[in-house]
Amino acid sequence: MSIWRVLLSILFPPLAVIDKGCGSVVIVFILTLCAWIPGVIGALIILNNPKYS
């Protein structure tokens, strides 16, 4: 995971997981709408998951 992905997931979480699939983007978007911190945490978890690499 690059530093740019981490910065992007902090600034705008749904954009950081755009290449991980539609479901990931929707989940992170909903979490970001609820609150910013859960969206960031969700994006970082998805980016660190080796299953999606």
PDB file of N, CA and C in Angstrom:
ATOM      1  N   MET A   1       0.863  -1.173   0.000  1.00  0.00           N
ATOM      2  CA  MET A   1       0.000   0.000   0.000  1.00  0.00           C
ATOM      3  C   MET A   1       0.904   1.229   0.000  1.00  0.00           C
ATOM      4  N   SER A   2       0.652   2.114  -0.922  1.00  0.00           N
ATOM      5  CA  SER A   2       1.496   3.293  -1.049  1.00  0.00           C
ATOM      6  C   SER A   2       1.016   4.411  -0.128  1.00  0.00           C
ATOM      7  N   ILE A   3       1.877   5.367   0.066  1.00  0.00           N
ATOM      8  CA  ILE A   3       1.556   6.517   0.910  1.00  0.00           C
ATOM      9  C   ILE A   3       0.435   7.347   0.293  1.00  0.00           C
ATOM     10  N   TRP A   4       0.335   7.324  -1.034  1.00  0.00           N
ATOM     11  CA  TRP A   4      -0.723   8.077  -1.705  1.00  0.00           C
ATOM     12  C   TRP A   4      -2.089   7.473  -1.438  1.00  0.00           C
ATOM     13  N   ARG A   5      -2.156   6.150  -1.365  1.00  0.00           N
ATOM     14  CA  ARG A   5      -3.420   5.491  -1.044  1.00  0.00           C
ATOM     15  C   ARG A   5      -3.850   5.807   0.382  1.00  0.00           C
ATOM     16  N   VAL A   6      -2.883   5.851   1.295  1.00  0.00           N
ATOM     17  CA  VAL A   6      -3.197   6.173   2.688  1.00  0.00           C
ATOM     18  C   VAL A   6      -3.713   7.602   2.787  1.00  0.00           C
ATOM     19  N   LEU A   7      -3.044   8.524   2.131  1.00  0.00           N
ATOM     20  CA  LEU A   7      -3.487   9.929   2.153  1.00  0.00           C
ATOM     21  C   LEU A   7      -4.856  10.078   1.493  1.00  0.00           C
ATOM     22  N   LEU A   8      -5.075   9.369   0.407  1.00  0.00           N
ATOM     23  CA  LEU A   8      -6.366   9.433  -0.265  1.00  0.00           C
ATOM     24  C   LEU A   8      -7.469   8.827   0.596  1.00  0.00           C
ATOM     25  N   SER A   9      -7.157   7.770   1.322  1.00  0.00           N
ATOM     26  CA  SER A   9      -8.168   7.169   2.186  1.00  0.00           C
ATOM     27  C   SER A   9      -8.476   8.055   3.387  1.00  0.00           C
ATOM     28  N   ILE A  10      -7.558   8.895   3.787  1.00  0.00           N
ATOM     29  CA  ILE A  10      -7.831   9.839   4.871  1.00  0.00           C
ATOM     30  C   ILE A  10      -8.639  11.019   4.356  1.00  0.00           C
ATOM     31  N   LEU A  11      -8.330  11.499   3.172  1.00  0.00           N
ATOM     32  CA  LEU A  11      -9.025  12.672   2.637  1.00  0.00           C
ATOM     33  C   LEU A  11     -10.399  12.337   2.063  1.00  0.00           C
ATOM     34  N   PHE A  12     -10.464  11.292   1.248  1.00  0.00           N
ATOM     35  CA  PHE A  12     -11.732  10.892   0.632  1.00  0.00           C
ATOM     36  C   PHE A  12     -11.753   9.373   0.496  1.00  0.00           C
ATOM     37  N   PRO A  13     -12.236   8.683   1.528  1.00  0.00           N
ATOM     38  CA  PRO A  13     -12.146   7.220   1.573  1.00  0.00           C
ATOM     39  C   PRO A  13     -12.741   6.464   0.386  1.00  0.00           C
ATOM     40  N   PRO A  14     -13.926   6.826  -0.145  1.00  0.00           N
ATOM     41  CA  PRO A  14     -14.460   6.034  -1.262  1.00  0.00           C
ATOM     42  C   PRO A  14     -13.574   6.054  -2.511  1.00  0.00           C
ATOM     43  N   LEU A  15     -12.879   7.132  -2.731  1.00  0.00           N
ATOM     44  CA  LEU A  15     -12.012   7.227  -3.904  1.00  0.00           C
ATOM     45  C   LEU A  15     -10.787   6.320  -3.772  1.00  0.00           C
ATOM     46  N   ALA A  16     -10.363   6.056  -2.546  1.00  0.00           N
ATOM     47  CA  ALA A  16      -9.190   5.207  -2.335  1.00  0.00           C
ATOM     48  C   ALA A  16      -9.463   3.754  -2.670  1.00  0.00           C
ATOM     49  N   VAL A  17     -10.715   3.314  -2.558  1.00  0.00           N
ATOM     50  CA  VAL A  17     -11.040   1.899  -2.811  1.00  0.00           C
ATOM     51  C   VAL A  17     -11.806   1.713  -4.117  1.00  0.00           C
ATOM     52  N   ILE A  18     -11.707   2.651  -5.022  1.00  0.00           N
ATOM     53  CA  ILE A  18     -12.487   2.620  -6.261  1.00  0.00           C
ATOM     54  C   ILE A  18     -12.118   1.410  -7.127  1.00  0.00           C
ATOM     55  N   ASP A  19     -10.891   0.926  -7.061  1.00  0.00           N
ATOM     56  CA  ASP A  19     -10.494  -0.208  -7.889  1.00  0.00           C
ATOM     57  C   ASP A  19     -10.684  -1.556  -7.194  1.00  0.00           C
ATOM     58  N   LYS A  20     -11.233  -1.560  -6.002  1.00  0.00           N
ATOM     59  CA  LYS A  20     -11.441  -2.793  -5.243  1.00  0.00           C
ATOM     60  C   LYS A  20     -12.808  -3.408  -5.481  1.00  0.00           C
ATOM     61  N   GLY A  21     -13.654  -2.776  -6.248  1.00  0.00           N
ATOM     62  CA  GLY A  21     -14.958  -3.327  -6.554  1.00  0.00           C
ATOM     63  C   GLY A  21     -16.079  -2.420  -6.081  1.00  0.00           C
ATOM     64  N   CYS A  22     -17.235  -2.632  -6.675  1.00  0.00           N
ATOM     65  CA  CYS A  22     -18.396  -1.780  -6.397  1.00  0.00           C
ATOM     66  C   CYS A  22     -18.877  -1.931  -4.957  1.00  0.00           C
ATOM     67  N   GLY A  23     -18.856  -3.145  -4.434  1.00  0.00           N
ATOM     68  CA  GLY A  23     -19.320  -3.368  -3.070  1.00  0.00           C
ATOM     69  C   GLY A  23     -18.482  -2.638  -2.042  1.00  0.00           C
ATOM     70  N   SER A  24     -17.178  -2.636  -2.251  1.00  0.00           N
ATOM     71  CA  SER A  24     -16.288  -1.937  -1.328  1.00  0.00           C
ATOM     72  C   SER A  24     -16.526  -0.441  -1.356  1.00  0.00           C
ATOM     73  N   VAL A  25     -16.729   0.094  -2.541  1.00  0.00           N
ATOM     74  CA  VAL A  25     -16.971   1.528  -2.670  1.00  0.00           C
ATOM     75  C   VAL A  25     -18.280   1.913  -1.981  1.00  0.00           C
ATOM     76  N   VAL A  26     -19.313   1.103  -2.163  1.00  0.00           N
ATOM     77  CA  VAL A  26     -20.614   1.400  -1.552  1.00  0.00           C
ATOM     78  C   VAL A  26     -20.523   1.338  -0.028  1.00  0.00           C
ATOM     79  N   ILE A  27     -19.861   0.314   0.492  1.00  0.00           N
ATOM     80  CA  ILE A  27     -19.725   0.181   1.945  1.00  0.00           C
ATOM     81  C   ILE A  27     -18.954   1.349   2.535  1.00  0.00           C
ATOM     82  N   VAL A  28     -17.849   1.702   1.923  1.00  0.00           N
ATOM     83  CA  VAL A  28     -17.046   2.812   2.437  1.00  0.00           C
ATOM     84  C   VAL A  28     -17.796   4.135   2.282  1.00  0.00           C
ATOM     85  N   PHE A  29     -18.548   4.283   1.213  1.00  0.00           N
ATOM     86  CA  PHE A  29     -19.331   5.505   1.023  1.00  0.00           C
ATOM     87  C   PHE A  29     -20.400   5.649   2.110  1.00  0.00           C
ATOM     88  N   ILE A  30     -21.086   4.557   2.415  1.00  0.00           N
ATOM     89  CA  ILE A  30     -22.112   4.601   3.465  1.00  0.00           C
ATOM     90  C   ILE A  30     -21.472   4.890   4.823  1.00  0.00           C
ATOM     91  N   LEU A  31     -20.341   4.259   5.103  1.00  0.00           N
ATOM     92  CA  LEU A  31     -19.644   4.538   6.353  1.00  0.00           C
ATOM     93  C   LEU A  31     -19.185   5.987   6.429  1.00  0.00           C
ATOM     94  N   THR A  32     -18.754   6.544   5.310  1.00  0.00           N
ATOM     95  CA  THR A  32     -18.318   7.933   5.286  1.00  0.00           C
ATOM     96  C   THR A  32     -19.495   8.878   5.476  1.00  0.00           C
ATOM     97  N   LEU A  33     -20.665   8.529   4.961  1.00  0.00           N
ATOM     98  CA  LEU A  33     -21.841   9.361   5.176  1.00  0.00           C
ATOM     99  C   LEU A  33     -22.267   9.363   6.635  1.00  0.00           C
ATOM    100  N   CYS A  34     -22.123   8.211   7.296  1.00  0.00           N
ATOM    101  CA  CYS A  34     -22.480   8.135   8.723  1.00  0.00           C
ATOM    102  C   CYS A  34     -21.534   8.999   9.551  1.00  0.00           C
ATOM    103  N   ALA A  35     -20.275   8.865   9.315  1.00  0.00           N
ATOM    104  CA  ALA A  35     -19.240   9.664   9.980  1.00  0.00           C
ATOM    105  C   ALA A  35     -17.940   9.461   9.215  1.00  0.00           C
ATOM    106  N   TRP A  36     -17.051  10.410   9.342  1.00  0.00           N
ATOM    107  CA  TRP A  36     -15.827  10.382   8.551  1.00  0.00           C
ATOM    108  C   TRP A  36     -14.866   9.297   9.039  1.00  0.00           C
ATOM    109  N   ILE A  37     -14.726   9.152  10.352  1.00  0.00           N
ATOM    110  CA  ILE A  37     -13.773   8.195  10.919  1.00  0.00           C
ATOM    111  C   ILE A  37     -14.087   6.744  10.535  1.00  0.00           C
ATOM    112  N   PRO A  38     -15.339   6.280  10.619  1.00  0.00           N
ATOM    113  CA  PRO A  38     -15.605   4.905  10.180  1.00  0.00           C
ATOM    114  C   PRO A  38     -15.293   4.679   8.692  1.00  0.00           C
ATOM    115  N   GLY A  39     -15.482   5.699   7.868  1.00  0.00           N
ATOM    116  CA  GLY A  39     -15.142   5.580   6.455  1.00  0.00           C
ATOM    117  C   GLY A  39     -13.651   5.410   6.243  1.00  0.00           C
ATOM    118  N   VAL A  40     -12.864   6.160   6.999  1.00  0.00           N
ATOM    119  CA  VAL A  40     -11.403   6.056   6.905  1.00  0.00           C
ATOM    120  C   VAL A  40     -10.949   4.682   7.386  1.00  0.00           C
ATOM    121  N   ILE A  41     -11.505   4.231   8.498  1.00  0.00           N
ATOM    122  CA  ILE A  41     -11.130   2.918   9.032  1.00  0.00           C
ATOM    123  C   ILE A  41     -11.521   1.810   8.051  1.00  0.00           C
ATOM    124  N   GLY A  42     -12.712   1.900   7.489  1.00  0.00           N
ATOM    125  CA  GLY A  42     -13.143   0.905   6.513  1.00  0.00           C
ATOM    126  C   GLY A  42     -12.253   0.884   5.282  1.00  0.00           C
ATOM    127  N   ALA A  43     -11.889   2.052   4.791  1.00  0.00           N
ATOM    128  CA  ALA A  43     -11.011   2.120   3.615  1.00  0.00           C
ATOM    129  C   ALA A  43      -9.641   1.534   3.915  1.00  0.00           C
ATOM    130  N   LEU A  44      -9.089   1.823   5.091  1.00  0.00           N
ATOM    131  CA  LEU A  44      -7.779   1.286   5.434  1.00  0.00           C
ATOM    132  C   LEU A  44      -7.829  -0.226   5.616  1.00  0.00           C
ATOM    133  N   ILE A  45      -8.917  -0.740   6.166  1.00  0.00           N
ATOM    134  CA  ILE A  45      -9.054  -2.192   6.318  1.00  0.00           C
ATOM    135  C   ILE A  45      -9.136  -2.858   4.952  1.00  0.00           C
ATOM    136  N   ILE A  46      -9.908  -2.292   4.043  1.00  0.00           N
ATOM    137  CA  ILE A  46     -10.029  -2.874   2.705  1.00  0.00           C
ATOM    138  C   ILE A  46      -8.705  -2.796   1.959  1.00  0.00           C
ATOM    139  N   LEU A  47      -7.982  -1.701   2.110  1.00  0.00           N
ATOM    140  CA  LEU A  47      -6.698  -1.572   1.424  1.00  0.00           C
ATOM    141  C   LEU A  47      -5.643  -2.513   1.996  1.00  0.00           C
ATOM    142  N   ASN A  48      -5.731  -2.845   3.277  1.00  0.00           N
ATOM    143  CA  ASN A  48      -4.752  -3.744   3.890  1.00  0.00           C
ATOM    144  C   ASN A  48      -5.107  -5.213   3.763  1.00  0.00           C
ATOM    145  N   ASN A  49      -6.282  -5.519   3.254  1.00  0.00           N
ATOM    146  CA  ASN A  49      -6.734  -6.903   3.135  1.00  0.00           C
ATOM    147  C   ASN A  49      -6.044  -7.554   1.940  1.00  0.00           C
ATOM    148  N   PRO A  50      -5.250  -8.601   2.165  1.00  0.00           N
ATOM    149  CA  PRO A  50      -4.554  -9.234   1.026  1.00  0.00           C
ATOM    150  C   PRO A  50      -5.478  -9.956   0.057  1.00  0.00           C
ATOM    151  N   LYS A  51      -6.724 -10.228   0.468  1.00  0.00           N
ATOM    152  CA  LYS A  51      -7.688 -10.899  -0.407  1.00  0.00           C
ATOM    153  C   LYS A  51      -8.008 -10.054  -1.641  1.00  0.00           C
ATOM    154  N   TYR A  52      -7.996  -8.721  -1.504  1.00  0.00           N
ATOM    155  CA  TYR A  52      -8.355  -7.842  -2.605  1.00  0.00           C
ATOM    156  C   TYR A  52      -7.154  -7.410  -3.448  1.00  0.00           C
ATOM    157  N   SER A  53      -5.957  -7.819  -3.098  1.00  0.00           N
ATOM    158  CA  SER A  53      -4.761  -7.365  -3.819  1.00  0.00           C
ATOM    159  C   SER A  53      -4.658  -8.002  -5.169  1.00  0.00           C
TER     160      SER A  53
END
